[in-house]
């Protein structure tokens, strides 16, 4: 059980980081597009 949690932990961190980067990227594009109008 502990081994399974240990294996999943890096994947969860990676998924969370990617999701956060995507979210920031979309916000940046959305903000720049609103400024242009």
PDB file of N, CA and C in Angstrom:
ATOM      1  N   UNK A   1       0.840  -1.201   0.000  1.00  0.00           N
ATOM      2  CA  UNK A   1       0.000   0.000   0.000  1.00  0.00           C
ATOM      3  C   UNK A   1       0.882   1.261   0.000  1.00  0.00           C
ATOM      4  N   UNK A   2       1.848   1.291   0.908  1.00  0.00           N
ATOM      5  CA  UNK A   2       2.731   2.455   0.959  1.00  0.00           C
ATOM      6  C   UNK A   2       3.507   2.596  -0.338  1.00  0.00           C
ATOM      7  N   UNK A   3       3.879   1.475  -0.910  1.00  0.00           N
ATOM      8  CA  UNK A   3       4.642   1.521  -2.164  1.00  0.00           C
ATOM      9  C   UNK A   3       3.787   2.108  -3.282  1.00  0.00           C
ATOM     10  N   UNK A   4       2.506   1.747  -3.296  1.00  0.00           N
ATOM     11  CA  UNK A   4       1.598   2.260  -4.328  1.00  0.00           C
ATOM     12  C   UNK A   4       1.445   3.781  -4.169  1.00  0.00           C
ATOM     13  N   UNK A   5       1.294   4.240  -2.944  1.00  0.00           N
ATOM     14  CA  UNK A   5       1.171   5.681  -2.706  1.00  0.00           C
ATOM     15  C   UNK A   5       2.451   6.389  -3.121  1.00  0.00           C
ATOM     16  N   UNK A   6       3.589   5.750  -2.830  1.00  0.00           N
ATOM     17  CA  UNK A   6       4.871   6.342  -3.174  1.00  0.00           C
ATOM     18  C   UNK A   6       5.028   6.462  -4.683  1.00  0.00           C
ATOM     19  N   UNK A   7       4.467   5.497  -5.413  1.00  0.00           N
ATOM     20  CA  UNK A   7       4.594   5.532  -6.872  1.00  0.00           C
ATOM     21  C   UNK A   7       3.671   6.598  -7.463  1.00  0.00           C
ATOM     22  N   UNK A   8       2.508   6.774  -6.856  1.00  0.00           N
ATOM     23  CA  UNK A   8       1.535   7.733  -7.395  1.00  0.00           C
ATOM     24  C   UNK A   8       1.895   9.182  -7.066  1.00  0.00           C
ATOM     25  N   UNK A   9       2.632   9.382  -5.985  1.00  0.00           N
ATOM     26  CA  UNK A   9       2.920  10.747  -5.543  1.00  0.00           C
ATOM     27  C   UNK A   9       3.584  11.610  -6.616  1.00  0.00           C
ATOM     28  N   UNK A  10       4.661  11.164  -7.261  1.00  0.00           N
ATOM     29  CA  UNK A  10       5.298  12.008  -8.286  1.00  0.00           C
ATOM     30  C   UNK A  10       4.349  12.334  -9.429  1.00  0.00           C
ATOM     31  N   UNK A  11       3.513  11.382  -9.798  1.00  0.00           N
ATOM     32  CA  UNK A  11       2.564  11.628 -10.888  1.00  0.00           C
ATOM     33  C   UNK A  11       1.573  12.723 -10.506  1.00  0.00           C
ATOM     34  N   UNK A  12       1.113  12.694  -9.252  1.00  0.00           N
ATOM     35  CA  UNK A  12       0.169  13.716  -8.793  1.00  0.00           C
ATOM     36  C   UNK A  12       0.830  15.090  -8.787  1.00  0.00           C
ATOM     37  N   UNK A  13       2.083  15.141  -8.346  1.00  0.00           N
ATOM     38  CA  UNK A  13       2.794  16.420  -8.335  1.00  0.00           C
ATOM     39  C   UNK A  13       2.976  16.931  -9.752  1.00  0.00           C
ATOM     40  N   UNK A  14       3.327  16.018 -10.672  1.00  0.00           N
ATOM     41  CA  UNK A  14       3.547  16.408 -12.066  1.00  0.00           C
ATOM     42  C   UNK A  14       2.246  16.908 -12.689  1.00  0.00           C
ATOM     43  N   UNK A  15       1.158  16.187 -12.448  1.00  0.00           N
ATOM     44  CA  UNK A  15      -0.138  16.582 -13.008  1.00  0.00           C
ATOM     45  C   UNK A  15      -0.562  17.947 -12.450  1.00  0.00           C
ATOM     46  N   UNK A  16      -0.344  18.154 -11.168  1.00  0.00           N
ATOM     47  CA  UNK A  16      -0.708  19.424 -10.551  1.00  0.00           C
ATOM     48  C   UNK A  16       0.104  20.580 -11.123  1.00  0.00           C
ATOM     49  N   UNK A  17       1.391  20.339 -11.343  1.00  0.00           N
ATOM     50  CA  UNK A  17       2.256  21.388 -11.903  1.00  0.00           C
ATOM     51  C   UNK A  17       1.839  21.735 -13.322  1.00  0.00           C
ATOM     52  N   UNK A  18       1.564  20.707 -14.125  1.00  0.00           N
ATOM     53  CA  UNK A  18       1.150  20.936 -15.514  1.00  0.00           C
ATOM     54  C   UNK A  18      -0.176  21.692 -15.546  1.00  0.00           C
ATOM     55  N   UNK A  19      -1.108  21.305 -14.684  1.00  0.00           N
ATOM     56  CA  UNK A  19      -2.411  21.973 -14.646  1.00  0.00           C
ATOM     57  C   UNK A  19      -2.240  23.445 -14.258  1.00  0.00           C
ATOM     58  N   UNK A  20      -1.367  23.705 -13.292  1.00  0.00           N
ATOM     59  CA  UNK A  20      -1.136  25.082 -12.851  1.00  0.00           C
ATOM     60  C   UNK A  20      -0.507  25.914 -13.966  1.00  0.00           C
ATOM     61  N   UNK A  21       0.460  25.334 -14.679  1.00  0.00           N
ATOM     62  CA  UNK A  21       1.113  26.054 -15.776  1.00  0.00           C
ATOM     63  C   UNK A  21       0.116  26.340 -16.888  1.00  0.00           C
ATOM     64  N   UNK A  22      -0.724  25.366 -17.206  1.00  0.00           N
ATOM     65  CA  UNK A  22      -1.732  25.565 -18.253  1.00  0.00           C
ATOM     66  C   UNK A  22      -2.698  26.676 -17.843  1.00  0.00           C
ATOM     67  N   UNK A  23      -3.110  26.663 -16.569  1.00  0.00           N
ATOM     68  CA  UNK A  23      -4.032  27.675 -16.061  1.00  0.00           C
ATOM     69  C   UNK A  23      -3.421  29.074 -16.168  1.00  0.00           C
ATOM     70  N   UNK A  24      -2.150  29.210 -15.768  1.00  0.00           N
ATOM     71  CA  UNK A  24      -1.473  30.505 -15.850  1.00  0.00           C
ATOM     72  C   UNK A  24      -1.318  30.931 -17.306  1.00  0.00           C
ATOM     73  N   UNK A  25      -1.027  29.965 -18.181  1.00  0.00           N
ATOM     74  CA  UNK A  25      -0.848  30.260 -19.604  1.00  0.00           C
ATOM     75  C   UNK A  25      -2.144  30.785 -20.214  1.00  0.00           C
ATOM     76  N   UNK A  26      -3.256  30.139 -19.895  1.00  0.00           N
ATOM     77  CA  UNK A  26      -4.557  30.568 -20.424  1.00  0.00           C
ATOM     78  C   UNK A  26      -4.920  31.953 -19.878  1.00  0.00           C
ATOM     79  N   UNK A  27      -4.664  32.180 -18.590  1.00  0.00           N
ATOM     80  CA  UNK A  27      -4.960  33.494 -18.011  1.00  0.00           C
ATOM     81  C   UNK A  27      -4.141  34.577 -18.698  1.00  0.00           C
ATOM     82  N   UNK A  28      -2.874  34.277 -18.998  1.00  0.00           N
ATOM     83  CA  UNK A  28      -1.999  35.256 -19.651  1.00  0.00           C
ATOM     84  C   UNK A  28      -2.524  35.605 -21.033  1.00  0.00           C
ATOM     85  N   UNK A  29      -2.916  34.594 -21.803  1.00  0.00           N
ATOM     86  CA  UNK A  29      -3.446  34.827 -23.151  1.00  0.00           C
ATOM     87  C   UNK A  29      -4.769  35.598 -23.066  1.00  0.00           C
ATOM     88  N   UNK A  30      -5.629  35.195 -22.139  1.00  0.00           N
ATOM     89  CA  UNK A  30      -6.923  35.858 -21.986  1.00  0.00           C
ATOM     90  C   UNK A  30      -6.737  37.332 -21.625  1.00  0.00           C
ATOM     91  N   UNK A  31      -5.791  37.608 -20.724  1.00  0.00           N
ATOM     92  CA  UNK A  31      -5.549  38.987 -20.306  1.00  0.00           C
ATOM     93  C   UNK A  31      -4.993  39.826 -21.442  1.00  0.00           C
ATOM     94  N   UNK A  32      -4.073  39.273 -22.217  1.00  0.00           N
ATOM     95  CA  UNK A  32      -3.477  40.046 -23.315  1.00  0.00           C
ATOM     96  C   UNK A  32      -4.505  40.292 -24.416  1.00  0.00           C
ATOM     97  N   UNK A  33      -5.384  39.340 -24.652  1.00  0.00           N
ATOM     98  CA  UNK A  33      -6.412  39.526 -25.685  1.00  0.00           C
ATOM     99  C   UNK A  33      -7.408  40.597 -25.260  1.00  0.00           C
ATOM    100  N   UNK A  34      -7.720  40.674 -23.973  1.00  0.00           N
ATOM    101  CA  UNK A  34      -8.665  41.698 -23.511  1.00  0.00           C
ATOM    102  C   UNK A  34      -8.043  43.084 -23.625  1.00  0.00           C
ATOM    103  N   UNK A  35      -6.734  43.186 -23.411  1.00  0.00           N
ATOM    104  CA  UNK A  35      -6.072  44.491 -23.491  1.00  0.00           C
ATOM    105  C   UNK A  35      -6.058  45.007 -24.923  1.00  0.00           C
ATOM    106  N   UNK A  36      -5.962  44.121 -25.888  1.00  0.00           N
ATOM    107  CA  UNK A  36      -5.882  44.536 -27.291  1.00  0.00           C
ATOM    108  C   UNK A  36      -7.202  45.129 -27.778  1.00  0.00           C
ATOM    109  N   UNK A  37      -8.313  44.676 -27.248  1.00  0.00           N
ATOM    110  CA  UNK A  37      -9.602  45.146 -27.751  1.00  0.00           C
ATOM    111  C   UNK A  37      -9.886  46.599 -27.382  1.00  0.00           C
TER     112      UNK A  37
END
